[in-house]
Amino acid sequence: MEHQITRHDTATVVALRGDVDLESSPRARKILLDALDTAPALLVDMSGVSYIDSSGIASLVESFQTGRANGKRFVLVAVSEPALRVLQLARLDRVFDIHGSVDDALAAD
């Protein structure tokens, strides 16, 4: 898994790429939680995620809950088809705020 962090005035964007699985999910968790510490909002760009398993989903859920507990916005953007299928199976597409692009999510702020 690779990642890239971009800061905007109202949000930080963490773009994840590759597999978010048992091996990489602890790192993804740390990246997301660290970004939440300093960001007013966190947008997770998942357009480059080719595979996500339950441990990756758990990292997203924990980050979402941490953000909500601290009054911070947590948004998934441009979710790839493989990742969206997993979210839909777990019915988490109804829980997460999901936008088609980073620009859409920033405009909705």
C-alpha atoms as a PDB file:
ATOM      1  CA  MET A   1       0.000   0.000   0.000  1.00  0.00           C
ATOM      2  CA  GLU A   2       1.167   3.488  -0.866  1.00  0.00           C
ATOM      3  CA  HIS A   3      -0.273   6.780   0.305  1.00  0.00           C
ATOM      4  CA  GLN A   4      -0.068  10.466  -0.417  1.00  0.00           C
ATOM      5  CA  ILE A   5      -1.166  13.317   1.843  1.00  0.00           C
ATOM      6  CA  THR A   6      -2.413  16.644   0.502  1.00  0.00           C
ATOM      7  CA  ARG A   7      -3.487  19.497   2.749  1.00  0.00           C
ATOM      8  CA  HIS A   8      -6.231  21.968   1.845  1.00  0.00           C
ATOM      9  CA  ASP A   9      -7.604  24.878   3.875  1.00  0.00           C
ATOM     10  CA  THR A  10     -10.587  22.916   5.174  1.00  0.00           C
ATOM     11  CA  ALA A  11      -9.407  19.305   4.949  1.00  0.00           C
ATOM     12  CA  THR A  12      -6.551  16.882   4.599  1.00  0.00           C
ATOM     13  CA  VAL A  13      -6.727  14.325   1.796  1.00  0.00           C
ATOM     14  CA  VAL A  14      -5.104  10.939   2.283  1.00  0.00           C
ATOM     15  CA  ALA A  15      -4.956   9.017  -0.997  1.00  0.00           C
ATOM     16  CA  LEU A  16      -4.506   5.284  -0.535  1.00  0.00           C
ATOM     17  CA  ARG A  17      -3.243   3.065  -3.362  1.00  0.00           C
ATOM     18  CA  GLY A  18      -2.840  -0.681  -3.689  1.00  0.00           C
ATOM     19  CA  ASP A  19      -4.011  -3.351  -1.268  1.00  0.00           C
ATOM     20  CA  VAL A  20      -5.294  -2.389   2.177  1.00  0.00           C
ATOM     21  CA  ASP A  21      -5.068  -5.776   3.842  1.00  0.00           C
ATOM     22  CA  LEU A  22      -3.864  -7.503   6.983  1.00  0.00           C
ATOM     23  CA  GLU A  23      -0.263  -6.597   6.197  1.00  0.00           C
ATOM     24  CA  SER A  24      -0.820  -2.909   5.413  1.00  0.00           C
ATOM     25  CA  SER A  25      -3.882  -2.004   7.490  1.00  0.00           C
ATOM     26  CA  PRO A  26      -1.917  -1.179  10.691  1.00  0.00           C
ATOM     27  CA  ARG A  27       0.026   1.392   8.678  1.00  0.00           C
ATOM     28  CA  ALA A  28      -3.169   2.699   7.049  1.00  0.00           C
ATOM     29  CA  ARG A  29      -4.736   3.014  10.520  1.00  0.00           C
ATOM     30  CA  LYS A  30      -1.779   5.043  11.813  1.00  0.00           C
ATOM     31  CA  ILE A  31      -1.729   7.292   8.743  1.00  0.00           C
ATOM     32  CA  LEU A  32      -5.455   8.026   9.030  1.00  0.00           C
ATOM     33  CA  LEU A  33      -5.465   8.589  12.787  1.00  0.00           C
ATOM     34  CA  ASP A  34      -2.362  10.815  12.603  1.00  0.00           C
ATOM     35  CA  ALA A  35      -4.000  12.883   9.854  1.00  0.00           C
ATOM     36  CA  LEU A  36      -7.138  13.266  11.970  1.00  0.00           C
ATOM     37  CA  ASP A  37      -5.047  14.750  14.791  1.00  0.00           C
ATOM     38  CA  THR A  38      -4.174  17.830  12.764  1.00  0.00           C
ATOM     39  CA  ALA A  39      -6.965  18.092  10.191  1.00  0.00           C
ATOM     40  CA  PRO A  40     -10.337  19.777  10.601  1.00  0.00           C
ATOM     41  CA  ALA A  41     -11.675  17.140   8.191  1.00  0.00           C
ATOM     42  CA  LEU A  42     -10.246  14.025   6.606  1.00  0.00           C
ATOM     43  CA  LEU A  43     -11.002  12.933   3.063  1.00  0.00           C
ATOM     44  CA  VAL A  44      -9.820   9.435   2.184  1.00  0.00           C
ATOM     45  CA  ASP A  45      -9.291   9.092  -1.567  1.00  0.00           C
ATOM     46  CA  MET A  46      -9.811   5.417  -2.345  1.00  0.00           C
ATOM     47  CA  SER A  47      -9.663   5.615  -6.127  1.00  0.00           C
ATOM     48  CA  GLY A  48      -6.392   3.681  -6.143  1.00  0.00           C
ATOM     49  CA  VAL A  49      -7.419   0.930  -3.742  1.00  0.00           C
ATOM     50  CA  SER A  50      -7.336  -2.340  -5.658  1.00  0.00           C
ATOM     51  CA  TYR A  51      -8.260  -4.573  -2.705  1.00  0.00           C
ATOM     52  CA  ILE A  52      -9.474  -4.071   0.861  1.00  0.00           C
ATOM     53  CA  ASP A  53     -10.169  -6.749   3.453  1.00  0.00           C
ATOM     54  CA  SER A  54     -11.878  -6.694   6.834  1.00  0.00           C
ATOM     55  CA  SER A  55      -8.772  -5.351   8.583  1.00  0.00           C
ATOM     56  CA  GLY A  56      -8.681  -2.438   6.142  1.00  0.00           C
ATOM     57  CA  ILE A  57     -12.376  -1.806   6.727  1.00  0.00           C
ATOM     58  CA  ALA A  58     -11.729  -1.876  10.480  1.00  0.00           C
ATOM     59  CA  SER A  59      -9.086   0.855  10.036  1.00  0.00           C
ATOM     60  CA  LEU A  60     -11.626   3.000   8.183  1.00  0.00           C
ATOM     61  CA  VAL A  61     -14.323   2.409  10.796  1.00  0.00           C
ATOM     62  CA  GLU A  62     -11.980   3.245  13.674  1.00  0.00           C
ATOM     63  CA  SER A  63     -10.882   6.447  11.949  1.00  0.00           C
ATOM     64  CA  PHE A  64     -14.508   7.365  11.214  1.00  0.00           C
ATOM     65  CA  GLN A  65     -15.472   6.828  14.862  1.00  0.00           C
ATOM     66  CA  THR A  66     -12.458   8.772  16.127  1.00  0.00           C
ATOM     67  CA  GLY A  67     -13.268  11.663  13.826  1.00  0.00           C
ATOM     68  CA  ARG A  68     -16.909  11.705  14.856  1.00  0.00           C
ATOM     69  CA  ALA A  69     -15.988  11.588  18.569  1.00  0.00           C
ATOM     70  CA  ASN A  70     -13.774  14.641  18.021  1.00  0.00           C
ATOM     71  CA  GLY A  71     -16.255  16.560  15.875  1.00  0.00           C
ATOM     72  CA  LYS A  72     -14.283  16.082  12.682  1.00  0.00           C
ATOM     73  CA  ARG A  73     -15.655  15.253   9.266  1.00  0.00           C
ATOM     74  CA  PHE A  74     -14.550  11.920   7.779  1.00  0.00           C
ATOM     75  CA  VAL A  75     -15.338  11.300   4.108  1.00  0.00           C
ATOM     76  CA  LEU A  76     -14.514   8.580   1.607  1.00  0.00           C
ATOM     77  CA  VAL A  77     -14.005   9.863  -1.935  1.00  0.00           C
ATOM     78  CA  ALA A  78     -13.724   8.248  -5.354  1.00  0.00           C
ATOM     79  CA  VAL A  79     -14.089   4.763  -3.893  1.00  0.00           C
ATOM     80  CA  SER A  80     -12.832   2.152  -6.348  1.00  0.00           C
ATOM     81  CA  GLU A  81     -15.244  -0.550  -7.503  1.00  0.00           C
ATOM     82  CA  PRO A  82     -13.527  -3.381  -5.560  1.00  0.00           C
ATOM     83  CA  ALA A  83     -13.547  -1.350  -2.332  1.00  0.00           C
ATOM     84  CA  LEU A  84     -17.134  -0.188  -2.883  1.00  0.00           C
ATOM     85  CA  ARG A  85     -18.313  -3.788  -3.245  1.00  0.00           C
ATOM     86  CA  VAL A  86     -16.820  -4.645   0.161  1.00  0.00           C
ATOM     87  CA  LEU A  87     -18.393  -1.561   1.744  1.00  0.00           C
ATOM     88  CA  GLN A  88     -21.757  -2.474   0.226  1.00  0.00           C
ATOM     89  CA  LEU A  89     -21.529  -6.076   1.470  1.00  0.00           C
ATOM     90  CA  ALA A  90     -20.948  -4.772   4.983  1.00  0.00           C
ATOM     91  CA  ARG A  91     -23.636  -2.096   4.435  1.00  0.00           C
ATOM     92  CA  LEU A  92     -21.069   0.532   5.351  1.00  0.00           C
ATOM     93  CA  ASP A  93     -21.890   2.499   2.214  1.00  0.00           C
ATOM     94  CA  ARG A  94     -24.883   3.646   4.292  1.00  0.00           C
ATOM     95  CA  VAL A  95     -22.674   4.691   7.215  1.00  0.00           C
ATOM     96  CA  PHE A  96     -19.813   6.539   5.557  1.00  0.00           C
ATOM     97  CA  ASP A  97     -20.189   9.883   3.837  1.00  0.00           C
ATOM     98  CA  ILE A  98     -19.080   9.016   0.285  1.00  0.00           C
ATOM     99  CA  HIS A  99     -18.427  11.509  -2.532  1.00  0.00           C
ATOM    100  CA  GLY A 100     -17.444  10.937  -6.149  1.00  0.00           C
ATOM    101  CA  SER A 101     -14.388  13.179  -6.046  1.00  0.00           C
ATOM    102  CA  VAL A 102     -12.206  15.251  -3.742  1.00  0.00           C
ATOM    103  CA  ASP A 103     -13.587  18.421  -5.335  1.00  0.00           C
ATOM    104  CA  ASP A 104     -17.170  17.312  -4.619  1.00  0.00           C
ATOM    105  CA  ALA A 105     -16.309  16.545  -1.003  1.00  0.00           C
ATOM    106  CA  LEU A 106     -14.505  19.865  -0.515  1.00  0.00           C
ATOM    107  CA  ALA A 107     -17.434  21.762  -2.028  1.00  0.00           C
ATOM    108  CA  ALA A 108     -19.864  19.963   0.290  1.00  0.00           C
ATOM    109  CA  ASP A 109     -17.962  21.131   3.378  1.00  0.00           C
END
